[in-house]
Amino acid sequence: FQQELLNLDELLFDMQVKGYRTILAHPERYNYYSRRRKRYEQLHNA
């Protein structure tokens, strides 16, 4: 809730390669995204 995981993109990609379907819990509660919603779109599109 303080900041995004530094290697979030790499972790999500690695998990997807291994066959996991990743679900981000309550992304609306991470207030550091509230003023940079393009980041939401990047994560969802990935």
All heavy atoms as atom14 arrays in JSON, in Angstrom:
{
  "sequence": "FQQELLNLDELLFDMQVKGYRTILAHPERYNYYSRRRKRYEQLHNA",
  "atom14_mask": [
    [1, 1, 1, 1, 1, 1, 1, 1, 1, 1, 1, 0, 0, 0],
    [1, 1, 1, 1, 1, 1, 1, 1, 1, 0, 0, 0, 0, 0],
    [1, 1, 1, 1, 1, 1, 1, 1, 1, 0, 0, 0, 0, 0],
    [1, 1, 1, 1, 1, 1, 1, 1, 1, 0, 0, 0, 0, 0],
    [1, 1, 1, 1, 1, 1, 1, 1, 0, 0, 0, 0, 0, 0],
    [1, 1, 1, 1, 1, 1, 1, 1, 0, 0, 0, 0, 0, 0],
    [1, 1, 1, 1, 1, 1, 1, 1, 0, 0, 0, 0, 0, 0],
    [1, 1, 1, 1, 1, 1, 1, 1, 0, 0, 0, 0, 0, 0],
    [1, 1, 1, 1, 1, 1, 1, 1, 0, 0, 0, 0, 0, 0],
    [1, 1, 1, 1, 1, 1, 1, 1, 1, 0, 0, 0, 0, 0],
    [1, 1, 1, 1, 1, 1, 1, 1, 0, 0, 0, 0, 0, 0],
    [1, 1, 1, 1, 1, 1, 1, 1, 0, 0, 0, 0, 0, 0],
    [1, 1, 1, 1, 1, 1, 1, 1, 1, 1, 1, 0, 0, 0],
    [1, 1, 1, 1, 1, 1, 1, 1, 0, 0, 0, 0, 0, 0],
    [1, 1, 1, 1, 1, 1, 1, 1, 0, 0, 0, 0, 0, 0],
    [1, 1, 1, 1, 1, 1, 1, 1, 1, 0, 0, 0, 0, 0],
    [1, 1, 1, 1, 1, 1, 1, 0, 0, 0, 0, 0, 0, 0],
    [1, 1, 1, 1, 1, 1, 1, 1, 1, 0, 0, 0, 0, 0],
    [1, 1, 1, 1, 0, 0, 0, 0, 0, 0, 0, 0, 0, 0],
    [1, 1, 1, 1, 1, 1, 1, 1, 1, 1, 1, 1, 0, 0],
    [1, 1, 1, 1, 1, 1, 1, 1, 1, 1, 1, 0, 0, 0],
    [1, 1, 1, 1, 1, 1, 1, 0, 0, 0, 0, 0, 0, 0],
    [1, 1, 1, 1, 1, 1, 1, 1, 0, 0, 0, 0, 0, 0],
    [1, 1, 1, 1, 1, 1, 1, 1, 0, 0, 0, 0, 0, 0],
    [1, 1, 1, 1, 1, 0, 0, 0, 0, 0, 0, 0, 0, 0],
    [1, 1, 1, 1, 1, 1, 1, 1, 1, 1, 0, 0, 0, 0],
    [1, 1, 1, 1, 1, 1, 1, 0, 0, 0, 0, 0, 0, 0],
    [1, 1, 1, 1, 1, 1, 1, 1, 1, 0, 0, 0, 0, 0],
    [1, 1, 1, 1, 1, 1, 1, 1, 1, 1, 1, 0, 0, 0],
    [1, 1, 1, 1, 1, 1, 1, 1, 1, 1, 1, 1, 0, 0],
    [1, 1, 1, 1, 1, 1, 1, 1, 0, 0, 0, 0, 0, 0],
    [1, 1, 1, 1, 1, 1, 1, 1, 1, 1, 1, 1, 0, 0],
    [1, 1, 1, 1, 1, 1, 1, 1, 1, 1, 1, 1, 0, 0],
    [1, 1, 1, 1, 1, 1, 0, 0, 0, 0, 0, 0, 0, 0],
    [1, 1, 1, 1, 1, 1, 1, 1, 1, 1, 1, 0, 0, 0],
    [1, 1, 1, 1, 1, 1, 1, 1, 1, 1, 1, 0, 0, 0],
    [1, 1, 1, 1, 1, 1, 1, 1, 1, 1, 1, 0, 0, 0],
    [1, 1, 1, 1, 1, 1, 1, 1, 1, 0, 0, 0, 0, 0],
    [1, 1, 1, 1, 1, 1, 1, 1, 1, 1, 1, 0, 0, 0],
    [1, 1, 1, 1, 1, 1, 1, 1, 1, 1, 1, 1, 0, 0],
    [1, 1, 1, 1, 1, 1, 1, 1, 1, 0, 0, 0, 0, 0],
    [1, 1, 1, 1, 1, 1, 1, 1, 1, 0, 0, 0, 0, 0],
    [1, 1, 1, 1, 1, 1, 1, 1, 0, 0, 0, 0, 0, 0],
    [1, 1, 1, 1, 1, 1, 1, 1, 1, 1, 0, 0, 0, 0],
    [1, 1, 1, 1, 1, 1, 1, 1, 0, 0, 0, 0, 0, 0],
    [1, 1, 1, 1, 1, 0, 0, 0, 0, 0, 0, 0, 0, 0]
  ],
  "atom14_positions": [
    [[0.82, -1.21, 0.0], [0.0, 0.0, 0.0], [0.86, 1.26, 0.0], [0.33, 2.37, -0.13], [-0.95, 0.0, 1.2], [-2.08, -0.98, 1.05], [-2.03, -2.23, 1.64], [-3.19, -0.64, 0.3], [-3.07, -3.14, 1.49], [-4.24, -1.55, 0.13], [-4.18, -2.8, 0.73], [0.0, 0.0, 0.0], [0.0, 0.0, 0.0], [0.0, 0.0, 0.0]],
    [[2.18, 1.1, 0.14], [3.07, 2.26, 0.14], [3.61, 2.58, -1.26], [3.67, 3.73, -1.67], [4.26, 2.03, 1.09], [3.94, 2.28, 2.55], [3.01, 1.24, 3.13], [3.24, 0.04, 2.99], [1.95, 1.69, 3.78], [0.0, 0.0, 0.0], [0.0, 0.0, 0.0], [0.0, 0.0, 0.0], [0.0, 0.0, 0.0], [0.0, 0.0, 0.0]],
    [[3.99, 1.53, -1.99], [4.54, 1.74, -3.33], [4.45, 0.46, -4.13], [4.36, -0.63, -3.56], [6.0, 2.21, -3.26], [6.96, 1.16, -2.67], [8.39, 1.64, -2.64], [8.67, 2.81, -2.46], [9.33, 0.71, -2.84], [0.0, 0.0, 0.0], [0.0, 0.0, 0.0], [0.0, 0.0, 0.0], [0.0, 0.0, 0.0], [0.0, 0.0, 0.0]],
    [[4.48, 0.61, -5.45], [4.43, -0.54, -6.33], [5.7, -1.38, -6.19], [6.8, -0.83, -6.0], [4.28, -0.06, -7.77], [4.25, -1.17, -8.8], [4.18, -0.63, -10.23], [3.07, -0.42, -10.72], [5.26, -0.42, -10.82], [0.0, 0.0, 0.0], [0.0, 0.0, 0.0], [0.0, 0.0, 0.0], [0.0, 0.0, 0.0], [0.0, 0.0, 0.0]],
    [[5.56, -2.68, -6.3], [6.71, -3.57, -6.33], [7.63, -3.16, -7.48], [7.18, -2.96, -8.61], [6.25, -5.01, -6.52], [7.33, -6.09, -6.51], [7.86, -6.29, -5.09], [6.78, -7.4, -7.07], [0.0, 0.0, 0.0], [0.0, 0.0, 0.0], [0.0, 0.0, 0.0], [0.0, 0.0, 0.0], [0.0, 0.0, 0.0], [0.0, 0.0, 0.0]],
    [[8.92, -3.02, -7.2], [9.85, -2.5, -8.2], [9.92, -3.37, -9.45], [10.03, -2.86, -10.56], [11.25, -2.35, -7.58], [11.38, -1.27, -6.5], [12.78, -1.27, -5.91], [11.03, 0.1, -7.07], [0.0, 0.0, 0.0], [0.0, 0.0, 0.0], [0.0, 0.0, 0.0], [0.0, 0.0, 0.0], [0.0, 0.0, 0.0], [0.0, 0.0, 0.0]],
    [[9.86, -4.69, -9.28], [9.96, -5.58, -10.44], [8.61, -6.21, -10.78], [8.53, -7.35, -11.22], [10.99, -6.68, -10.17], [10.57, -7.61, -9.04], [9.87, -7.19, -8.12], [10.98, -8.87, -9.1], [0.0, 0.0, 0.0], [0.0, 0.0, 0.0], [0.0, 0.0, 0.0], [0.0, 0.0, 0.0], [0.0, 0.0, 0.0], [0.0, 0.0, 0.0]],
    [[7.54, -5.44, -10.59], [6.19, -5.98, -10.79], [5.99, -6.52, -12.21], [5.48, -7.63, -12.38], [5.15, -4.89, -10.5], [3.68, -5.31, -10.69], [3.32, -6.48, -9.8], [2.76, -4.12, -10.43], [0.0, 0.0, 0.0], [0.0, 0.0, 0.0], [0.0, 0.0, 0.0], [0.0, 0.0, 0.0], [0.0, 0.0, 0.0], [0.0, 0.0, 0.0]],
    [[6.4, -5.77, -13.2], [6.19, -6.22, -14.58], [6.9, -7.54, -14.86], [6.35, -8.44, -15.49], [6.68, -5.15, -15.56], [5.9, -3.86, -15.43], [4.87, -3.72, -16.09], [6.32, -2.99, -14.65], [0.0, 0.0, 0.0], [0.0, 0.0, 0.0], [0.0, 0.0, 0.0], [0.0, 0.0, 0.0], [0.0, 0.0, 0.0], [0.0, 0.0, 0.0]],
    [[8.14, -7.63, -14.38], [8.92, -8.86, -14.58], [8.28, -10.05, -13.88], [8.21, -11.16, -14.43], [10.36, -8.67, -14.1], [11.17, -7.69, -14.92], [10.95, -6.24, -14.52], [10.09, -5.97, -13.65], [11.62, -5.35, -15.08], [0.0, 0.0, 0.0], [0.0, 0.0, 0.0], [0.0, 0.0, 0.0], [0.0, 0.0, 0.0], [0.0, 0.0, 0.0]],
    [[7.8, -9.82, -12.65], [7.18, -10.91, -11.9], [5.89, -11.39, -12.59], [5.69, -12.6, -12.75], [6.86, -10.46, -10.48], [6.08, -11.47, -9.62], [6.87, -12.76, -9.43], [5.7, -10.86, -8.27], [0.0, 0.0, 0.0], [0.0, 0.0, 0.0], [0.0, 0.0, 0.0], [0.0, 0.0, 0.0], [0.0, 0.0, 0.0], [0.0, 0.0, 0.0]],
    [[5.05, -10.46, -12.99], [3.8, -10.84, -13.65], [4.07, -11.61, -14.93], [3.41, -12.62, -15.22], [2.97, -9.59, -13.96], [2.43, -8.82, -12.74], [1.72, -7.55, -13.2], [1.48, -9.69, -11.92], [0.0, 0.0, 0.0], [0.0, 0.0, 0.0], [0.0, 0.0, 0.0], [0.0, 0.0, 0.0], [0.0, 0.0, 0.0], [0.0, 0.0, 0.0]],
    [[5.07, -11.17, -15.7], [5.41, -11.87, -16.94], [5.92, -13.28, -16.63], [5.51, -14.24, -17.28], [6.48, -11.08, -17.71], [6.91, -11.75, -18.98], [6.11, -11.73, -20.11], [8.13, -12.42, -19.04], [6.51, -12.34, -21.29], [8.54, -13.05, -20.21], [7.72, -13.01, -21.34], [0.0, 0.0, 0.0], [0.0, 0.0, 0.0], [0.0, 0.0, 0.0]],
    [[6.79, -13.39, -15.64], [7.34, -14.69, -15.27], [6.25, -15.66, -14.83], [6.25, -16.84, -15.22], [8.38, -14.53, -14.16], [9.1, -15.83, -13.84], [9.91, -16.28, -14.67], [8.83, -16.42, -12.76], [0.0, 0.0, 0.0], [0.0, 0.0, 0.0], [0.0, 0.0, 0.0], [0.0, 0.0, 0.0], [0.0, 0.0, 0.0], [0.0, 0.0, 0.0]],
    [[5.3, -15.15, -14.05], [4.22, -16.01, -13.57], [3.32, -16.45, -14.72], [2.88, -17.6, -14.77], [3.4, -15.28, -12.5], [4.18, -15.02, -11.22], [3.16, -14.34, -9.89], [2.2, -15.8, -9.43], [0.0, 0.0, 0.0], [0.0, 0.0, 0.0], [0.0, 0.0, 0.0], [0.0, 0.0, 0.0], [0.0, 0.0, 0.0], [0.0, 0.0, 0.0]],
    [[3.06, -15.54, -15.65], [2.22, -15.89, -16.79], [2.9, -16.92, -17.67], [2.26, -17.85, -18.18], [1.86, -14.63, -17.56], [0.89, -13.72, -16.81], [0.82, -12.31, -17.36], [1.28, -12.02, -18.47], [0.26, -11.39, -16.59], [0.0, 0.0, 0.0], [0.0, 0.0, 0.0], [0.0, 0.0, 0.0], [0.0, 0.0, 0.0], [0.0, 0.0, 0.0]],
    [[4.21, -16.8, -17.84], [4.97, -17.78, -18.62], [4.87, -19.16, -17.96], [4.79, -20.19, -18.66], [6.45, -17.35, -18.74], [7.3, -18.5, -19.27], [6.58, -16.15, -19.67], [0.0, 0.0, 0.0], [0.0, 0.0, 0.0], [0.0, 0.0, 0.0], [0.0, 0.0, 0.0], [0.0, 0.0, 0.0], [0.0, 0.0, 0.0], [0.0, 0.0, 0.0]],
    [[4.84, -19.2, -16.64], [4.75, -20.46, -15.9], [3.32, -21.01, -15.82], [3.09, -22.03, -15.19], [5.34, -20.29, -14.51], [6.85, -20.08, -14.53], [7.43, -19.93, -13.14], [8.95, -19.77, -13.21], [9.55, -19.54, -11.87], [0.0, 0.0, 0.0], [0.0, 0.0, 0.0], [0.0, 0.0, 0.0], [0.0, 0.0, 0.0], [0.0, 0.0, 0.0]],
    [[2.39, -20.3, -16.45], [1.03, -20.82, -16.52], [0.05, -20.27, -15.51], [-1.12, -20.68, -15.49], [0.0, 0.0, 0.0], [0.0, 0.0, 0.0], [0.0, 0.0, 0.0], [0.0, 0.0, 0.0], [0.0, 0.0, 0.0], [0.0, 0.0, 0.0], [0.0, 0.0, 0.0], [0.0, 0.0, 0.0], [0.0, 0.0, 0.0], [0.0, 0.0, 0.0]],
    [[0.49, -19.34, -14.66], [-0.42, -18.73, -13.71], [-1.22, -17.62, -14.38], [-0.72, -16.91, -15.25], [0.35, -18.13, -12.53], [0.97, -19.14, -11.61], [2.36, -19.3, -11.56], [0.19, -19.94, -10.78], [2.95, -20.22, -10.71], [0.77, -20.87, -9.93], [2.15, -21.0, -9.89], [2.73, -21.93, -9.05], [0.0, 0.0, 0.0], [0.0, 0.0, 0.0]],
    [[-2.46, -17.46, -13.96], [-3.3, -16.35, -14.4], [-3.35, -15.35, -13.24], [-3.97, -15.63, -12.21], [-4.7, -16.83, -14.77], [-4.7, -17.79, -15.95], [-6.11, -18.29, -16.24], [-6.13, -19.18, -17.4], [-7.24, -19.77, -17.85], [-8.4, -19.55, -17.25], [-7.18, -20.56, -18.9], [0.0, 0.0, 0.0], [0.0, 0.0, 0.0], [0.0, 0.0, 0.0]],
    [[-2.68, -14.25, -13.41], [-2.5, -13.32, -12.3], [-3.68, -12.35, -12.16], [-4.16, -11.79, -13.14], [-1.21, -12.5, -12.49], [-1.24, -11.86, -13.77], [0.02, -13.41, -12.42], [0.0, 0.0, 0.0], [0.0, 0.0, 0.0], [0.0, 0.0, 0.0], [0.0, 0.0, 0.0], [0.0, 0.0, 0.0], [0.0, 0.0, 0.0], [0.0, 0.0, 0.0]],
    [[-4.13, -12.2, -10.92], [-5.21, -11.27, -10.58], [-4.67, -10.3, -9.54], [-4.18, -10.72, -8.48], [-6.43, -12.01, -10.0], [-6.95, -13.06, -10.99], [-7.53, -11.01, -9.65], [-8.08, -13.93, -10.42], [0.0, 0.0, 0.0], [0.0, 0.0, 0.0], [0.0, 0.0, 0.0], [0.0, 0.0, 0.0], [0.0, 0.0, 0.0], [0.0, 0.0, 0.0]],
    [[-4.74, -9.01, -9.83], [-4.29, -8.0, -8.87], [-5.46, -7.66, -7.95], [-6.52, -7.22, -8.4], [-3.82, -6.74, -9.61], [-3.1, -5.68, -8.76], [-1.83, -6.26, -8.12], [-2.75, -4.47, -9.61], [0.0, 0.0, 0.0], [0.0, 0.0, 0.0], [0.0, 0.0, 0.0], [0.0, 0.0, 0.0], [0.0, 0.0, 0.0], [0.0, 0.0, 0.0]],
    [[-5.25, -7.9, -6.65], [-6.28, -7.64, -5.66], [-6.49, -6.15, -5.46], [-5.53, -5.39, -5.38], [-5.9, -8.28, -4.32], [0.0, 0.0, 0.0], [0.0, 0.0, 0.0], [0.0, 0.0, 0.0], [0.0, 0.0, 0.0], [0.0, 0.0, 0.0], [0.0, 0.0, 0.0], [0.0, 0.0, 0.0], [0.0, 0.0, 0.0], [0.0, 0.0, 0.0]],
    [[-7.75, -5.75, -5.41], [-8.2, -4.37, -5.14], [-7.23, -3.28, -5.61], [-6.72, -2.51, -4.78], [-8.52, -4.18, -3.66], [-7.52, -4.75, -2.69], [-6.21, -4.34, -2.62], [-7.66, -5.7, -1.73], [-5.58, -5.01, -1.67], [-6.44, -5.84, -1.12], [0.0, 0.0, 0.0], [0.0, 0.0, 0.0], [0.0, 0.0, 0.0], [0.0, 0.0, 0.0]],
    [[-6.96, -3.18, -6.9], [-6.03, -2.14, -7.39], [-6.52, -0.73, -7.08], [-5.71, 0.2, -7.02], [-5.97, -2.4, -8.9], [-7.23, -3.13, -9.22], [-7.51, -3.98, -8.02], [0.0, 0.0, 0.0], [0.0, 0.0, 0.0], [0.0, 0.0, 0.0], [0.0, 0.0, 0.0], [0.0, 0.0, 0.0], [0.0, 0.0, 0.0], [0.0, 0.0, 0.0]],
    [[-7.82, -0.56, -6.88], [-8.35, 0.77, -6.57], [-7.87, 1.3, -5.22], [-7.92, 2.51, -4.96], [-9.9, 0.74, -6.58], [-10.57, 0.07, -5.39], [-10.61, -1.44, -5.43], [-10.05, -2.03, -6.39], [-11.21, -2.05, -4.53], [0.0, 0.0, 0.0], [0.0, 0.0, 0.0], [0.0, 0.0, 0.0], [0.0, 0.0, 0.0], [0.0, 0.0, 0.0]],
    [[-7.34, 0.42, -4.37], [-6.92, 0.83, -3.04], [-5.46, 1.29, -2.99], [-5.0, 1.78, -1.97], [-7.13, -0.31, -2.03], [-8.6, -0.63, -1.79], [-8.75, -1.67, -0.7], [-8.17, -1.2, 0.55], [-7.85, -2.0, 1.58], [-8.05, -3.3, 1.48], [-7.32, -1.49, 2.68], [0.0, 0.0, 0.0], [0.0, 0.0, 0.0], [0.0, 0.0, 0.0]],
    [[-4.73, 1.13, -4.09], [-3.34, 1.59, -4.13], [-3.35, 3.04, -4.59], [-3.3, 3.35, -5.78], [-2.51, 0.71, -5.07], [-2.66, -0.77, -4.79], [-2.98, -1.68, -5.8], [-2.51, -1.27, -3.49], [-3.13, -3.02, -5.53], [-2.66, -2.62, -3.22], [-2.98, -3.5, -4.25], [-3.13, -4.83, -3.99], [0.0, 0.0, 0.0], [0.0, 0.0, 0.0]],
    [[-3.38, 3.95, -3.63], [-3.6, 5.36, -3.95], [-2.48, 5.98, -4.78], [-2.69, 7.02, -5.42], [-3.81, 6.16, -2.66], [-5.14, 5.85, -1.99], [-6.07, 5.38, -2.65], [-5.23, 6.09, -0.7], [0.0, 0.0, 0.0], [0.0, 0.0, 0.0], [0.0, 0.0, 0.0], [0.0, 0.0, 0.0], [0.0, 0.0, 0.0], [0.0, 0.0, 0.0]],
    [[-1.3, 5.34, -4.79], [-0.22, 5.89, -5.6], [-0.51, 5.77, -7.09], [0.2, 6.37, -7.91], [1.13, 5.24, -5.25], [1.1, 3.73, -5.13], [1.15, 2.91, -6.25], [1.04, 3.12, -3.88], [1.15, 1.52, -6.14], [1.04, 1.74, -3.75], [1.09, 0.94, -4.88], [1.08, -0.42, -4.75], [0.0, 0.0, 0.0], [0.0, 0.0, 0.0]],
    [[-1.53, 5.0, -7.46], [-1.93, 4.9, -8.87], [-3.01, 5.91, -9.24], [-3.3, 6.1, -10.43], [-2.51, 3.51, -9.17], [-1.52, 2.38, -9.24], [-1.85, 1.13, -8.74], [-0.26, 2.54, -9.82], [-0.96, 0.06, -8.81], [0.63, 1.47, -9.9], [0.27, 0.24, -9.38], [1.14, -0.81, -9.46], [0.0, 0.0, 0.0], [0.0, 0.0, 0.0]],
    [[-3.64, 6.54, -8.26], [-4.85, 7.32, -8.53], [-4.61, 8.5, -9.47], [-5.53, 8.93, -10.17], [-5.47, 7.82, -7.22], [-4.6, 8.69, -6.53], [0.0, 0.0, 0.0], [0.0, 0.0, 0.0], [0.0, 0.0, 0.0], [0.0, 0.0, 0.0], [0.0, 0.0, 0.0], [0.0, 0.0, 0.0], [0.0, 0.0, 0.0], [0.0, 0.0, 0.0]],
    [[-3.38, 9.02, -9.5], [-3.07, 10.15, -10.39], [-2.22, 9.72, -11.6], [-1.72, 10.57, -12.33], [-2.37, 11.26, -9.6], [-3.28, 11.93, -8.59], [-2.56, 13.0, -7.79], [-3.45, 13.62, -6.83], [-3.73, 13.12, -5.63], [-3.18, 11.99, -5.25], [-4.56, 13.75, -4.82], [0.0, 0.0, 0.0], [0.0, 0.0, 0.0], [0.0, 0.0, 0.0]],
    [[-2.04, 8.43, -11.74], [-1.3, 7.92, -12.9], [-2.01, 6.67, -13.43], [-1.48, 5.57, -13.41], [0.17, 7.64, -12.54], [0.39, 6.89, -11.24], [1.86, 6.89, -10.83], [2.67, 6.04, -11.67], [3.17, 4.86, -11.28], [2.94, 4.4, -10.06], [3.92, 4.17, -12.1], [0.0, 0.0, 0.0], [0.0, 0.0, 0.0], [0.0, 0.0, 0.0]],
    [[-3.21, 6.9, -13.89], [-4.06, 5.78, -14.28], [-3.61, 5.11, -15.57], [-4.06, 4.01, -15.89], [-5.52, 6.25, -14.38], [-6.11, 6.48, -12.98], [-7.52, 6.98, -12.99], [-8.05, 7.02, -11.63], [-9.09, 7.75, -11.27], [-9.71, 8.51, -12.16], [-9.52, 7.72, -10.02], [0.0, 0.0, 0.0], [0.0, 0.0, 0.0], [0.0, 0.0, 0.0]],
    [[-2.7, 5.74, -16.3], [-2.12, 5.06, -17.45], [-1.41, 3.78, -17.01], [-1.32, 2.82, -17.77], [-1.13, 5.99, -18.16], [-1.78, 7.08, -19.01], [-2.44, 6.49, -20.24], [-3.01, 7.58, -21.13], [-3.75, 7.0, -22.29], [0.0, 0.0, 0.0], [0.0, 0.0, 0.0], [0.0, 0.0, 0.0], [0.0, 0.0, 0.0], [0.0, 0.0, 0.0]],
    [[-0.9, 3.8, -15.78], [-0.22, 2.61, -15.25], [-1.21, 1.46, -15.1], [-0.86, 0.3, -15.37], [0.43, 2.94, -13.91], [1.18, 1.77, -13.26], [2.27, 1.24, -14.16], [3.07, 0.21, -13.5], [3.66, -0.8, -14.13], [3.56, -0.91, -15.45], [4.37, -1.69, -13.46], [0.0, 0.0, 0.0], [0.0, 0.0, 0.0], [0.0, 0.0, 0.0]],
    [[-2.43, 1.77, -14.68], [-3.47, 0.74, -14.63], [-3.65, 0.11, -16.01], [-3.73, -1.11, -16.15], [-4.8, 1.35, -14.21], [-4.99, 1.64, -12.74], [-5.58, 2.82, -12.32], [-4.62, 0.7, -11.77], [-5.8, 3.08, -10.97], [-4.82, 0.96, -10.42], [-5.42, 2.15, -10.03], [-5.63, 2.4, -8.71], [0.0, 0.0, 0.0], [0.0, 0.0, 0.0]],
    [[-3.72, 0.96, -17.03], [-3.92, 0.46, -18.39], [-2.76, -0.41, -18.84], [-2.96, -1.45, -19.5], [-4.13, 1.64, -19.34], [-5.4, 2.44, -19.06], [-5.53, 3.67, -19.93], [-4.55, 4.0, -20.65], [-6.6, 4.29, -19.91], [0.0, 0.0, 0.0], [0.0, 0.0, 0.0], [0.0, 0.0, 0.0], [0.0, 0.0, 0.0], [0.0, 0.0, 0.0]],
    [[-1.53, -0.01, -18.49], [-0.35, -0.8, -18.84], [-0.42, -2.2, -18.22], [-0.18, -3.21, -18.9], [0.92, -0.1, -18.37], [1.25, 1.17, -19.13], [2.41, 1.94, -18.49], [2.88, 1.59, -17.41], [2.87, 2.99, -19.17], [0.0, 0.0, 0.0], [0.0, 0.0, 0.0], [0.0, 0.0, 0.0], [0.0, 0.0, 0.0], [0.0, 0.0, 0.0]],
    [[-0.76, -2.25, -16.95], [-0.82, -3.54, -16.26], [-1.93, -4.42, -16.82], [-1.73, -5.63, -17.04], [-1.04, -3.31, -14.76], [0.12, -2.69, -13.98], [-0.31, -2.29, -12.57], [1.3, -3.67, -13.9], [0.0, 0.0, 0.0], [0.0, 0.0, 0.0], [0.0, 0.0, 0.0], [0.0, 0.0, 0.0], [0.0, 0.0, 0.0], [0.0, 0.0, 0.0]],
    [[-3.07, -3.82, -17.06], [-4.21, -4.59, -17.57], [-3.94, -5.09, -18.98], [-4.22, -6.26, -19.31], [-5.47, -3.72, -17.54], [-6.74, -4.5, -17.55], [-7.58, -4.53, -18.64], [-7.33, -5.29, -16.6], [-8.62, -5.3, -18.37], [-8.5, -5.77, -17.14], [0.0, 0.0, 0.0], [0.0, 0.0, 0.0], [0.0, 0.0, 0.0], [0.0, 0.0, 0.0]],
    [[-3.36, -4.24, -19.8], [-3.04, -4.64, -21.18], [-1.96, -5.73, -21.22], [-1.89, -6.5, -22.17], [-2.57, -3.43, -21.99], [-3.69, -2.45, -22.27], [-4.86, -2.81, -22.23], [-3.34, -1.2, -22.54], [0.0, 0.0, 0.0], [0.0, 0.0, 0.0], [0.0, 0.0, 0.0], [0.0, 0.0, 0.0], [0.0, 0.0, 0.0], [0.0, 0.0, 0.0]],
    [[-1.12, -5.78, -20.17], [-0.06, -6.79, -20.11], [-0.58, -8.13, -19.59], [0.2, -9.09, -19.49], [1.07, -6.3, -19.21], [0.0, 0.0, 0.0], [0.0, 0.0, 0.0], [0.0, 0.0, 0.0], [0.0, 0.0, 0.0], [0.0, 0.0, 0.0], [0.0, 0.0, 0.0], [0.0, 0.0, 0.0], [0.0, 0.0, 0.0], [0.0, 0.0, 0.0]]
  ]
}
